[in-house]
Amino acid sequence: AFIYKHIITSISFRIESAKEKNYQRYMNHTSSLMDCYNKVSNNENLLLNHKLLFLLKDIIIKTKKNNGKVIVFGNGGSASTSNHVTVDLTKNAKVQSMNFNESNLITCFSNDYGYEKWISKAIEFYATKRDLVILLSVSGESKNLVNAAKLCKKNKLNLVTFTGKTKNNSLIKINKKKLNFFGNFFYYIFLF
C-alpha cells in the first residue's frame, strides 16, 4: 500500500516539473519502485502496468494544460481515497482537483434526485469537457457510480475508473474504450 501511495504522490509531484532535467531520473525511479512492488506482490492481478500509469499522468497533464480540473468520486473508503487523491493532485501537482464528500451536498442531491443519481447530478453541475472524472469503486457496481459513468460516456467527458474484485464489472464495461485500472481486491485504492 505504501508503494502505491508513494508512486502516485511522486507522479503528481513531478507533473508540475515535467520539463526538468532530472525528470527522466524520476521516471526511472518510479519504474524501479513499480518493478519492486510487482516482484514482491506475487499476484498477477495486482501487478502495476507502467504504461497505464504514465498514460494517466499524461491525461492529468493534458487536463491541466486545458485549464480543466480532476473530479474524483467514490463511496465509503473510496470516498476517503478521493479526498487523498485531490489533495495530492492540488498540492503536489498544482492541478485543480475536487471531490464532493460534503454531507450537505450529498444529502441535498440524494434527497432531490435520489442516491443513485447524486453523483451524476454533481457531474452535470460542475464538470466541463475540459475536465477529467475519476471513479473509484471496489465492486465496480455501485449504482451511483455506474450512472455517473453512463453520463460521462453520453456527454463525452474524460473518464478513468479504478475497480477491484472482478474484471467483468459494470464500470469497466461502460468505460471499455477508455482508461481502466483493475486490482483483484481493494488494493487499487492505494494507487493514489
N, C-alpha and C. Protein backbone atom coordinates (compact mmCIF):
# COMPACT_ATOMS: atom_id res chain seq x y z
N ALA A 1 0.83 -1.19 0.00
CA ALA A 1 0.00 0.00 0.00
C ALA A 1 0.87 1.25 0.00
N PHE A 2 1.95 1.24 0.76
CA PHE A 2 2.84 2.39 0.80
C PHE A 2 3.43 2.66 -0.58
N ILE A 3 3.81 1.59 -1.29
CA ILE A 3 4.40 1.75 -2.62
C ILE A 3 3.41 2.46 -3.55
N TYR A 4 2.14 2.02 -3.55
CA TYR A 4 1.12 2.66 -4.39
C TYR A 4 1.04 4.15 -4.12
N LYS A 5 0.88 4.51 -2.84
CA LYS A 5 0.74 5.93 -2.50
C LYS A 5 1.99 6.69 -2.89
N HIS A 6 3.16 6.10 -2.66
CA HIS A 6 4.41 6.78 -2.99
C HIS A 6 4.51 7.03 -4.50
N ILE A 7 4.13 6.05 -5.29
CA ILE A 7 4.23 6.20 -6.75
C ILE A 7 3.35 7.34 -7.23
N ILE A 8 2.09 7.36 -6.87
CA ILE A 8 1.19 8.38 -7.41
C ILE A 8 1.50 9.75 -6.83
N THR A 9 1.95 9.79 -5.57
CA THR A 9 2.35 11.07 -5.00
C THR A 9 3.56 11.60 -5.74
N SER A 10 4.51 10.72 -6.06
CA SER A 10 5.68 11.14 -6.83
C SER A 10 5.28 11.62 -8.21
N ILE A 11 4.38 10.89 -8.85
CA ILE A 11 3.92 11.31 -10.18
C ILE A 11 3.24 12.66 -10.09
N SER A 12 2.36 12.85 -9.12
CA SER A 12 1.66 14.12 -9.01
C SER A 12 2.64 15.25 -8.71
N PHE A 13 3.67 14.98 -7.90
CA PHE A 13 4.65 15.99 -7.57
C PHE A 13 5.44 16.41 -8.81
N ARG A 14 5.73 15.46 -9.68
CA ARG A 14 6.56 15.74 -10.85
C ARG A 14 5.77 16.24 -12.06
N ILE A 15 4.46 16.15 -12.02
CA ILE A 15 3.67 16.67 -13.14
C ILE A 15 3.99 18.13 -13.35
N GLU A 16 4.10 18.88 -12.28
CA GLU A 16 4.37 20.32 -12.35
C GLU A 16 5.73 20.60 -12.97
N SER A 17 6.69 19.72 -12.76
CA SER A 17 8.05 19.98 -13.23
C SER A 17 8.49 18.98 -14.28
N ALA A 18 7.60 18.63 -15.19
CA ALA A 18 7.87 17.59 -16.18
C ALA A 18 9.02 17.94 -17.12
N LYS A 19 9.38 19.20 -17.23
CA LYS A 19 10.43 19.61 -18.16
C LYS A 19 11.81 19.71 -17.49
N GLU A 20 11.88 19.37 -16.21
CA GLU A 20 13.15 19.44 -15.51
C GLU A 20 14.14 18.43 -16.07
N LYS A 21 15.43 18.72 -15.92
CA LYS A 21 16.47 17.82 -16.41
C LYS A 21 16.45 16.47 -15.70
N ASN A 22 16.05 16.47 -14.44
CA ASN A 22 16.05 15.22 -13.68
C ASN A 22 14.75 14.42 -13.85
N TYR A 23 13.91 14.82 -14.78
CA TYR A 23 12.63 14.15 -14.97
C TYR A 23 12.83 12.69 -15.36
N GLN A 24 13.77 12.40 -16.26
CA GLN A 24 13.99 11.01 -16.68
C GLN A 24 14.48 10.18 -15.50
N ARG A 25 15.32 10.77 -14.66
CA ARG A 25 15.77 10.07 -13.47
C ARG A 25 14.59 9.73 -12.57
N TYR A 26 13.68 10.68 -12.42
CA TYR A 26 12.46 10.44 -11.63
C TYR A 26 11.64 9.30 -12.24
N MET A 27 11.46 9.33 -13.57
CA MET A 27 10.68 8.28 -14.23
C MET A 27 11.34 6.92 -14.02
N ASN A 28 12.65 6.86 -14.12
CA ASN A 28 13.37 5.60 -13.87
C ASN A 28 13.16 5.14 -12.44
N HIS A 29 13.22 6.09 -11.49
CA HIS A 29 12.99 5.77 -10.08
C HIS A 29 11.57 5.21 -9.87
N THR A 30 10.59 5.86 -10.48
CA THR A 30 9.21 5.40 -10.35
C THR A 30 9.05 4.01 -10.95
N SER A 31 9.66 3.77 -12.11
CA SER A 31 9.61 2.45 -12.73
C SER A 31 10.25 1.40 -11.83
N SER A 32 11.37 1.76 -11.18
CA SER A 32 12.03 0.83 -10.27
C SER A 32 11.14 0.49 -9.09
N LEU A 33 10.46 1.50 -8.53
CA LEU A 33 9.52 1.23 -7.44
C LEU A 33 8.43 0.27 -7.88
N MET A 34 7.88 0.50 -9.07
CA MET A 34 6.81 -0.35 -9.57
C MET A 34 7.32 -1.76 -9.81
N ASP A 35 8.53 -1.90 -10.38
CA ASP A 35 9.12 -3.22 -10.59
C ASP A 35 9.31 -3.95 -9.26
N CYS A 36 9.80 -3.22 -8.27
CA CYS A 36 10.00 -3.80 -6.95
C CYS A 36 8.67 -4.29 -6.38
N TYR A 37 7.65 -3.46 -6.45
CA TYR A 37 6.33 -3.86 -5.95
C TYR A 37 5.84 -5.10 -6.68
N ASN A 38 5.97 -5.12 -8.01
CA ASN A 38 5.47 -6.25 -8.79
C ASN A 38 6.18 -7.55 -8.43
N LYS A 39 7.47 -7.50 -8.14
CA LYS A 39 8.22 -8.69 -7.74
C LYS A 39 7.76 -9.19 -6.38
N VAL A 40 7.45 -8.28 -5.48
CA VAL A 40 7.05 -8.64 -4.12
C VAL A 40 5.60 -9.12 -4.06
N SER A 41 4.73 -8.60 -4.92
CA SER A 41 3.30 -8.89 -4.80
C SER A 41 2.95 -10.34 -5.07
N ASN A 42 3.66 -11.00 -5.99
CA ASN A 42 3.37 -12.40 -6.33
C ASN A 42 1.91 -12.64 -6.67
N ASN A 43 1.22 -11.66 -7.16
CA ASN A 43 -0.19 -11.79 -7.51
C ASN A 43 -0.40 -11.08 -8.84
N GLU A 44 -0.56 -11.84 -9.91
CA GLU A 44 -0.64 -11.23 -11.23
C GLU A 44 -1.80 -10.25 -11.36
N ASN A 45 -2.83 -10.39 -10.55
CA ASN A 45 -3.96 -9.47 -10.61
C ASN A 45 -3.66 -8.12 -9.98
N LEU A 46 -2.56 -8.02 -9.24
CA LEU A 46 -2.21 -6.76 -8.60
C LEU A 46 -1.02 -6.08 -9.26
N LEU A 47 -0.50 -6.65 -10.33
CA LEU A 47 0.67 -6.07 -10.98
C LEU A 47 0.34 -4.71 -11.57
N LEU A 48 1.26 -3.79 -11.37
CA LEU A 48 1.09 -2.44 -11.91
C LEU A 48 1.54 -2.40 -13.36
N ASN A 49 0.82 -1.70 -14.16
CA ASN A 49 1.18 -1.55 -15.56
C ASN A 49 1.80 -0.16 -15.73
N HIS A 50 3.10 -0.14 -16.00
CA HIS A 50 3.84 1.11 -16.15
C HIS A 50 3.18 2.02 -17.19
N LYS A 51 2.86 1.46 -18.32
CA LYS A 51 2.33 2.27 -19.42
C LYS A 51 1.00 2.92 -19.05
N LEU A 52 0.13 2.19 -18.35
CA LEU A 52 -1.15 2.77 -17.96
C LEU A 52 -0.97 3.91 -16.95
N LEU A 53 -0.04 3.73 -16.00
CA LEU A 53 0.20 4.80 -15.03
C LEU A 53 0.75 6.05 -15.70
N PHE A 54 1.66 5.87 -16.64
CA PHE A 54 2.22 7.03 -17.33
C PHE A 54 1.18 7.65 -18.26
N LEU A 55 0.29 6.84 -18.81
CA LEU A 55 -0.81 7.38 -19.60
C LEU A 55 -1.73 8.23 -18.72
N LEU A 56 -2.01 7.75 -17.51
CA LEU A 56 -2.81 8.54 -16.58
C LEU A 56 -2.12 9.87 -16.28
N LYS A 57 -0.83 9.82 -16.05
CA LYS A 57 -0.06 11.06 -15.80
C LYS A 57 -0.23 12.01 -16.98
N ASP A 58 -0.12 11.50 -18.20
CA ASP A 58 -0.27 12.34 -19.40
C ASP A 58 -1.67 12.93 -19.51
N ILE A 59 -2.68 12.14 -19.16
CA ILE A 59 -4.07 12.63 -19.19
C ILE A 59 -4.25 13.76 -18.18
N ILE A 60 -3.66 13.60 -17.00
CA ILE A 60 -3.76 14.64 -15.98
C ILE A 60 -3.04 15.90 -16.43
N ILE A 61 -1.86 15.75 -17.04
CA ILE A 61 -1.13 16.91 -17.55
C ILE A 61 -1.95 17.62 -18.63
N LYS A 62 -2.55 16.85 -19.53
CA LYS A 62 -3.38 17.45 -20.59
C LYS A 62 -4.57 18.19 -19.99
N THR A 63 -5.18 17.60 -18.98
CA THR A 63 -6.32 18.25 -18.30
C THR A 63 -5.87 19.59 -17.73
N LYS A 64 -4.70 19.60 -17.10
CA LYS A 64 -4.18 20.84 -16.52
C LYS A 64 -3.90 21.88 -17.62
N LYS A 65 -3.27 21.46 -18.69
CA LYS A 65 -2.94 22.39 -19.79
C LYS A 65 -4.19 22.97 -20.43
N ASN A 66 -5.28 22.21 -20.41
CA ASN A 66 -6.54 22.68 -20.99
C ASN A 66 -7.39 23.47 -19.98
N ASN A 67 -6.76 23.84 -18.86
CA ASN A 67 -7.46 24.56 -17.79
C ASN A 67 -8.65 23.78 -17.24
N GLY A 68 -8.51 22.46 -17.24
CA GLY A 68 -9.54 21.61 -16.67
C GLY A 68 -9.21 21.24 -15.24
N LYS A 69 -10.09 20.49 -14.64
CA LYS A 69 -9.88 20.02 -13.27
C LYS A 69 -10.11 18.52 -13.21
N VAL A 70 -9.59 17.90 -12.18
CA VAL A 70 -9.80 16.48 -11.95
C VAL A 70 -10.85 16.36 -10.85
N ILE A 71 -11.92 15.62 -11.14
CA ILE A 71 -13.01 15.43 -10.19
C ILE A 71 -13.05 13.94 -9.84
N VAL A 72 -12.95 13.64 -8.54
CA VAL A 72 -12.83 12.25 -8.10
C VAL A 72 -14.01 11.89 -7.19
N PHE A 73 -14.60 10.72 -7.45
CA PHE A 73 -15.74 10.23 -6.69
C PHE A 73 -15.50 8.81 -6.21
N GLY A 74 -16.06 8.49 -5.06
CA GLY A 74 -16.06 7.14 -4.53
C GLY A 74 -17.06 7.06 -3.39
N ASN A 75 -17.40 5.86 -2.98
CA ASN A 75 -18.29 5.62 -1.84
C ASN A 75 -17.48 5.02 -0.70
N GLY A 76 -17.84 5.33 0.53
CA GLY A 76 -17.19 4.72 1.70
C GLY A 76 -15.70 5.00 1.74
N GLY A 77 -14.91 3.93 1.84
CA GLY A 77 -13.45 4.07 1.87
C GLY A 77 -12.91 4.71 0.60
N SER A 78 -13.56 4.45 -0.51
CA SER A 78 -13.14 5.07 -1.78
C SER A 78 -13.39 6.57 -1.77
N ALA A 79 -14.38 7.03 -1.00
CA ALA A 79 -14.60 8.47 -0.84
C ALA A 79 -13.42 9.08 -0.08
N SER A 80 -12.94 8.37 0.92
CA SER A 80 -11.77 8.84 1.66
C SER A 80 -10.55 8.89 0.75
N THR A 81 -10.40 7.89 -0.09
CA THR A 81 -9.29 7.89 -1.04
C THR A 81 -9.42 9.06 -2.01
N SER A 82 -10.64 9.37 -2.42
CA SER A 82 -10.82 10.51 -3.34
C SER A 82 -10.37 11.80 -2.67
N ASN A 83 -10.59 11.94 -1.36
CA ASN A 83 -10.07 13.10 -0.64
C ASN A 83 -8.55 13.17 -0.74
N HIS A 84 -7.91 12.04 -0.48
CA HIS A 84 -6.45 11.97 -0.50
C HIS A 84 -5.91 12.31 -1.90
N VAL A 85 -6.53 11.75 -2.92
CA VAL A 85 -6.09 11.99 -4.30
C VAL A 85 -6.18 13.47 -4.65
N THR A 86 -7.30 14.09 -4.32
CA THR A 86 -7.48 15.50 -4.70
C THR A 86 -6.49 16.41 -3.97
N VAL A 87 -6.18 16.09 -2.73
CA VAL A 87 -5.19 16.89 -2.00
C VAL A 87 -3.82 16.73 -2.65
N ASP A 88 -3.41 15.49 -2.97
CA ASP A 88 -2.10 15.28 -3.61
C ASP A 88 -2.01 15.98 -4.96
N LEU A 89 -3.05 15.85 -5.76
CA LEU A 89 -3.02 16.49 -7.08
C LEU A 89 -2.99 18.01 -6.96
N THR A 90 -3.75 18.55 -6.04
CA THR A 90 -3.78 20.01 -5.88
C THR A 90 -2.47 20.52 -5.31
N LYS A 91 -2.01 19.93 -4.22
CA LYS A 91 -0.82 20.43 -3.53
C LYS A 91 0.46 20.12 -4.29
N ASN A 92 0.64 18.88 -4.71
CA ASN A 92 1.90 18.45 -5.31
C ASN A 92 2.00 18.74 -6.80
N ALA A 93 0.90 18.55 -7.52
CA ALA A 93 0.94 18.70 -8.98
C ALA A 93 0.39 20.03 -9.44
N LYS A 94 -0.18 20.79 -8.52
CA LYS A 94 -0.77 22.10 -8.87
C LYS A 94 -1.86 21.93 -9.93
N VAL A 95 -2.61 20.81 -9.83
CA VAL A 95 -3.73 20.52 -10.72
C VAL A 95 -5.01 20.78 -9.93
N GLN A 96 -5.87 21.62 -10.46
CA GLN A 96 -7.13 21.89 -9.77
C GLN A 96 -7.91 20.58 -9.67
N SER A 97 -8.21 20.17 -8.45
CA SER A 97 -8.87 18.89 -8.20
C SER A 97 -9.95 19.07 -7.15
N MET A 98 -10.99 18.27 -7.27
CA MET A 98 -12.08 18.37 -6.31
C MET A 98 -12.79 17.04 -6.14
N ASN A 99 -13.43 16.91 -4.99
CA ASN A 99 -14.32 15.78 -4.74
C ASN A 99 -15.54 16.36 -4.05
N PHE A 100 -16.56 15.59 -3.95
CA PHE A 100 -17.81 16.07 -3.37
C PHE A 100 -18.22 15.19 -2.21
N ASN A 101 -17.46 15.25 -1.13
CA ASN A 101 -17.75 14.43 0.03
C ASN A 101 -18.39 15.24 1.16
N GLU A 102 -18.94 16.40 0.82
CA GLU A 102 -19.60 17.22 1.82
C GLU A 102 -21.00 16.64 2.09
N SER A 103 -21.29 16.42 3.34
CA SER A 103 -22.56 15.78 3.68
C SER A 103 -23.76 16.61 3.22
N ASN A 104 -23.66 17.94 3.26
CA ASN A 104 -24.81 18.75 2.84
C ASN A 104 -25.09 18.60 1.35
N LEU A 105 -24.05 18.51 0.52
CA LEU A 105 -24.26 18.32 -0.92
C LEU A 105 -24.82 16.92 -1.19
N ILE A 106 -24.23 15.92 -0.57
CA ILE A 106 -24.68 14.54 -0.79
C ILE A 106 -26.14 14.38 -0.37
N THR A 107 -26.48 14.87 0.81
CA THR A 107 -27.86 14.69 1.29
C THR A 107 -28.86 15.54 0.49
N CYS A 108 -28.45 16.73 0.07
CA CYS A 108 -29.33 17.57 -0.76
C CYS A 108 -29.61 16.90 -2.10
N PHE A 109 -28.53 16.51 -2.80
CA PHE A 109 -28.69 15.89 -4.11
C PHE A 109 -29.39 14.54 -4.00
N SER A 110 -29.07 13.77 -2.95
CA SER A 110 -29.72 12.47 -2.76
C SER A 110 -31.21 12.65 -2.49
N ASN A 111 -31.55 13.64 -1.70
CA ASN A 111 -32.95 13.91 -1.40
C ASN A 111 -33.71 14.37 -2.64
N ASP A 112 -33.10 15.26 -3.40
CA ASP A 112 -33.79 15.84 -4.56
C ASP A 112 -33.77 14.95 -5.81
N TYR A 113 -32.68 14.18 -6.00
CA TYR A 113 -32.53 13.41 -7.25
C TYR A 113 -32.45 11.90 -7.02
N GLY A 114 -32.32 11.47 -5.78
CA GLY A 114 -32.15 10.05 -5.46
C GLY A 114 -30.67 9.72 -5.29
N TYR A 115 -30.38 8.83 -4.34
CA TYR A 115 -28.98 8.48 -4.05
C TYR A 115 -28.28 7.94 -5.28
N GLU A 116 -28.98 7.19 -6.10
CA GLU A 116 -28.35 6.59 -7.28
C GLU A 116 -27.99 7.62 -8.34
N LYS A 117 -28.47 8.83 -8.20
CA LYS A 117 -28.21 9.87 -9.21
C LYS A 117 -27.41 11.06 -8.67
N TRP A 118 -27.09 11.10 -7.39
CA TRP A 118 -26.47 12.30 -6.85
C TRP A 118 -25.12 12.61 -7.49
N ILE A 119 -24.33 11.58 -7.80
CA ILE A 119 -23.02 11.83 -8.43
C ILE A 119 -23.22 12.33 -9.85
N SER A 120 -24.15 11.76 -10.58
CA SER A 120 -24.44 12.24 -11.94
C SER A 120 -24.83 13.71 -11.91
N LYS A 121 -25.66 14.09 -10.95
CA LYS A 121 -26.09 15.49 -10.84
C LYS A 121 -24.91 16.39 -10.51
N ALA A 122 -24.03 15.95 -9.63
CA ALA A 122 -22.84 16.74 -9.31
C ALA A 122 -21.99 16.94 -10.57
N ILE A 123 -21.85 15.89 -11.37
CA ILE A 123 -21.09 16.00 -12.62
C ILE A 123 -21.78 16.97 -13.57
N GLU A 124 -23.09 16.88 -13.68
CA GLU A 124 -23.83 17.81 -14.54
C GLU A 124 -23.60 19.26 -14.13
N PHE A 125 -23.60 19.52 -12.84
CA PHE A 125 -23.45 20.88 -12.34
C PHE A 125 -22.01 21.40 -12.43
N TYR A 126 -21.02 20.53 -12.24
CA TYR A 126 -19.65 21.00 -12.05
C TYR A 126 -18.65 20.62 -13.15
N ALA A 127 -18.89 19.58 -13.91
CA ALA A 127 -17.89 19.12 -14.88
C ALA A 127 -18.08 19.79 -16.24
N THR A 128 -16.95 20.00 -16.92
CA THR A 128 -16.96 20.51 -18.29
C THR A 128 -16.18 19.52 -19.17
N LYS A 129 -16.19 19.74 -20.44
CA LYS A 129 -15.47 18.86 -21.39
C LYS A 129 -13.96 18.88 -21.16
N ARG A 130 -13.45 19.92 -20.51
CA ARG A 130 -12.01 20.02 -20.26
C ARG A 130 -11.58 19.19 -19.06
N ASP A 131 -12.55 18.71 -18.27
CA ASP A 131 -12.24 18.04 -17.01
C ASP A 131 -12.02 16.55 -17.18
N LEU A 132 -11.43 15.96 -16.14
CA LEU A 132 -11.25 14.52 -16.04
C LEU A 132 -12.03 14.03 -14.83
N VAL A 133 -12.89 13.05 -15.03
CA VAL A 133 -13.65 12.44 -13.94
C VAL A 133 -12.99 11.09 -13.63
N ILE A 134 -12.69 10.87 -12.34
CA ILE A 134 -12.14 9.60 -11.89
C ILE A 134 -13.14 8.97 -10.93
N LEU A 135 -13.52 7.72 -11.22
CA LEU A 135 -14.46 6.99 -10.37
C LEU A 135 -13.73 5.83 -9.70
N LEU A 136 -13.84 5.74 -8.38
CA LEU A 136 -13.21 4.69 -7.59
C LEU A 136 -14.30 3.77 -7.03
N SER A 137 -14.20 2.47 -7.28
CA SER A 137 -15.19 1.53 -6.77
C SER A 137 -14.59 0.14 -6.65
N VAL A 138 -14.64 -0.43 -5.47
CA VAL A 138 -14.11 -1.78 -5.29
C VAL A 138 -14.89 -2.76 -6.16
N SER A 139 -16.21 -2.70 -6.11
CA SER A 139 -17.03 -3.66 -6.85
C SER A 139 -17.20 -3.29 -8.33
N GLY A 140 -17.16 -2.01 -8.62
CA GLY A 140 -17.47 -1.56 -9.98
C GLY A 140 -18.95 -1.62 -10.28
N GLU A 141 -19.77 -1.81 -9.24
CA GLU A 141 -21.20 -1.99 -9.42
C GLU A 141 -22.07 -0.97 -8.68
N SER A 142 -21.47 -0.05 -7.95
CA SER A 142 -22.26 0.94 -7.20
C SER A 142 -23.11 1.75 -8.16
N LYS A 143 -24.43 1.72 -7.94
CA LYS A 143 -25.37 2.34 -8.88
C LYS A 143 -25.07 3.81 -9.13
N ASN A 144 -24.70 4.56 -8.08
CA ASN A 144 -24.44 5.98 -8.29
C ASN A 144 -23.20 6.20 -9.16
N LEU A 145 -22.21 5.33 -9.05
CA LEU A 145 -21.02 5.45 -9.89
C LEU A 145 -21.27 4.93 -11.31
N VAL A 146 -22.05 3.87 -11.41
CA VAL A 146 -22.42 3.34 -12.74
C VAL A 146 -23.22 4.40 -13.51
N ASN A 147 -24.16 5.05 -12.85
CA ASN A 147 -24.93 6.12 -13.51
C ASN A 147 -24.03 7.28 -13.91
N ALA A 148 -23.06 7.59 -13.06
CA ALA A 148 -22.11 8.67 -13.38
C ALA A 148 -21.27 8.30 -14.60
N ALA A 149 -20.83 7.04 -14.69
CA ALA A 149 -20.05 6.59 -15.84
C ALA A 149 -20.88 6.68 -17.12
N LYS A 150 -22.13 6.29 -17.04
CA LYS A 150 -23.02 6.39 -18.21
C LYS A 150 -23.17 7.84 -18.66
N LEU A 151 -23.32 8.74 -17.69
CA LEU A 151 -23.44 10.16 -18.03
C LEU A 151 -22.16 10.68 -18.68
N CYS A 152 -21.00 10.29 -18.15
CA CYS A 152 -19.72 10.71 -18.74
C CYS A 152 -19.61 10.20 -20.18
N LYS A 153 -20.00 8.95 -20.39
CA LYS A 153 -19.94 8.39 -21.74
C LYS A 153 -20.89 9.14 -22.68
N LYS A 154 -22.10 9.38 -22.23
CA LYS A 154 -23.11 10.07 -23.04
C LYS A 154 -22.66 11.49 -23.40
N ASN A 155 -22.06 12.18 -22.43
CA ASN A 155 -21.64 13.56 -22.64
C ASN A 155 -20.19 13.69 -23.11
N LYS A 156 -19.55 12.55 -23.41
CA LYS A 156 -18.18 12.51 -23.91
C LYS A 156 -17.20 13.23 -22.99
N LEU A 157 -17.36 12.99 -21.69
CA LEU A 157 -16.43 13.52 -20.70
C LEU A 157 -15.28 12.55 -20.52
N ASN A 158 -14.09 13.06 -20.23
CA ASN A 158 -12.94 12.21 -19.96
C ASN A 158 -13.18 11.43 -18.68
N LEU A 159 -12.97 10.12 -18.72
CA LEU A 159 -13.28 9.26 -17.59
C LEU A 159 -12.18 8.22 -17.41
N VAL A 160 -11.77 8.03 -16.15
CA VAL A 160 -10.86 6.97 -15.75
C VAL A 160 -11.52 6.24 -14.59
N THR A 161 -11.45 4.91 -14.59
CA THR A 161 -12.04 4.14 -13.48
C THR A 161 -10.97 3.29 -12.80
N PHE A 162 -11.15 3.11 -11.50
CA PHE A 162 -10.35 2.20 -10.69
C PHE A 162 -11.33 1.26 -10.02
N THR A 163 -11.21 -0.04 -10.31
CA THR A 163 -12.12 -1.02 -9.73
C THR A 163 -11.35 -2.23 -9.21
N GLY A 164 -12.04 -3.08 -8.48
CA GLY A 164 -11.45 -4.30 -7.95
C GLY A 164 -12.43 -5.45 -8.04
N LYS A 165 -12.11 -6.52 -7.35
CA LYS A 165 -12.91 -7.75 -7.26
C LYS A 165 -12.97 -8.53 -8.57
N THR A 166 -13.63 -8.00 -9.60
CA THR A 166 -13.76 -8.74 -10.85
C THR A 166 -13.58 -7.81 -12.05
N LYS A 167 -12.95 -8.33 -13.09
CA LYS A 167 -12.74 -7.54 -14.30
C LYS A 167 -14.03 -7.41 -15.12
N ASN A 168 -15.01 -8.19 -14.78
CA ASN A 168 -16.27 -8.18 -15.52
C ASN A 168 -17.29 -7.32 -14.78
N ASN A 169 -16.91 -6.07 -14.46
CA ASN A 169 -17.83 -5.22 -13.70
C ASN A 169 -18.40 -4.12 -14.60
N SER A 170 -19.45 -3.49 -14.15
CA SER A 170 -20.18 -2.51 -14.96
C SER A 170 -19.34 -1.30 -15.33
N LEU A 171 -18.52 -0.80 -14.40
CA LEU A 171 -17.72 0.40 -14.73
C LEU A 171 -16.74 0.12 -15.86
N ILE A 172 -16.09 -1.02 -15.83
CA ILE A 172 -15.16 -1.36 -16.92
C ILE A 172 -15.92 -1.53 -18.23
N LYS A 173 -17.08 -2.18 -18.19
CA LYS A 173 -17.87 -2.36 -19.41
C LYS A 173 -18.29 -1.02 -20.02
N ILE A 174 -18.74 -0.10 -19.20
CA ILE A 174 -19.18 1.21 -19.69
C ILE A 174 -18.01 2.00 -20.24
N ASN A 175 -16.86 1.88 -19.60
CA ASN A 175 -15.69 2.68 -19.95
C ASN A 175 -14.68 1.89 -20.78
N LYS A 176 -15.13 0.87 -21.49
CA LYS A 176 -14.21 -0.07 -22.13
C LYS A 176 -13.28 0.55 -23.17
N LYS A 177 -13.63 1.67 -23.74
CA LYS A 177 -12.76 2.31 -24.75
C LYS A 177 -11.85 3.35 -24.13
N LYS A 178 -11.89 3.48 -22.82
CA LYS A 178 -11.07 4.49 -22.13
C LYS A 178 -10.15 3.79 -21.14
N LEU A 179 -9.59 4.55 -20.21
CA LEU A 179 -8.60 4.04 -19.28
C LEU A 179 -9.25 3.46 -18.02
N ASN A 180 -8.94 2.19 -17.73
CA ASN A 180 -9.45 1.50 -16.56
C ASN A 180 -8.29 0.86 -15.81
N PHE A 181 -8.32 0.92 -14.49
CA PHE A 181 -7.36 0.22 -13.66
C PHE A 181 -8.14 -0.81 -12.87
N PHE A 182 -7.54 -2.00 -12.74
CA PHE A 182 -8.20 -3.09 -12.02
C PHE A 182 -7.22 -3.70 -11.04
N GLY A 183 -7.69 -3.99 -9.83
CA GLY A 183 -6.91 -4.72 -8.84
C GLY A 183 -7.81 -5.75 -8.21
N ASN A 184 -7.38 -7.01 -8.16
CA ASN A 184 -8.21 -8.09 -7.66
C ASN A 184 -8.25 -8.07 -6.13
N PHE A 185 -8.85 -7.09 -5.58
CA PHE A 185 -9.09 -6.85 -4.16
C PHE A 185 -9.23 -5.35 -4.09
N PHE A 186 -9.10 -4.74 -2.95
CA PHE A 186 -9.25 -3.30 -2.96
C PHE A 186 -7.93 -2.57 -2.83
N TYR A 187 -6.82 -3.21 -3.14
CA TYR A 187 -5.53 -2.54 -3.10
C TYR A 187 -5.44 -1.41 -4.12
N TYR A 188 -6.26 -1.47 -5.16
CA TYR A 188 -6.22 -0.42 -6.18
C TYR A 188 -6.39 0.94 -5.55
N ILE A 189 -7.13 1.04 -4.46
CA ILE A 189 -7.39 2.36 -3.89
C ILE A 189 -6.13 3.01 -3.37
N PHE A 190 -5.11 2.21 -3.10
CA PHE A 190 -3.87 2.77 -2.60
C PHE A 190 -2.97 3.24 -3.73
N LEU A 191 -3.39 3.05 -4.96
CA LEU A 191 -2.61 3.53 -6.09
C LEU A 191 -2.35 5.01 -5.97
N PHE A 192 -3.29 5.72 -5.38
CA PHE A 192 -3.12 7.14 -5.19
C PHE A 192 -2.32 7.41 -3.95
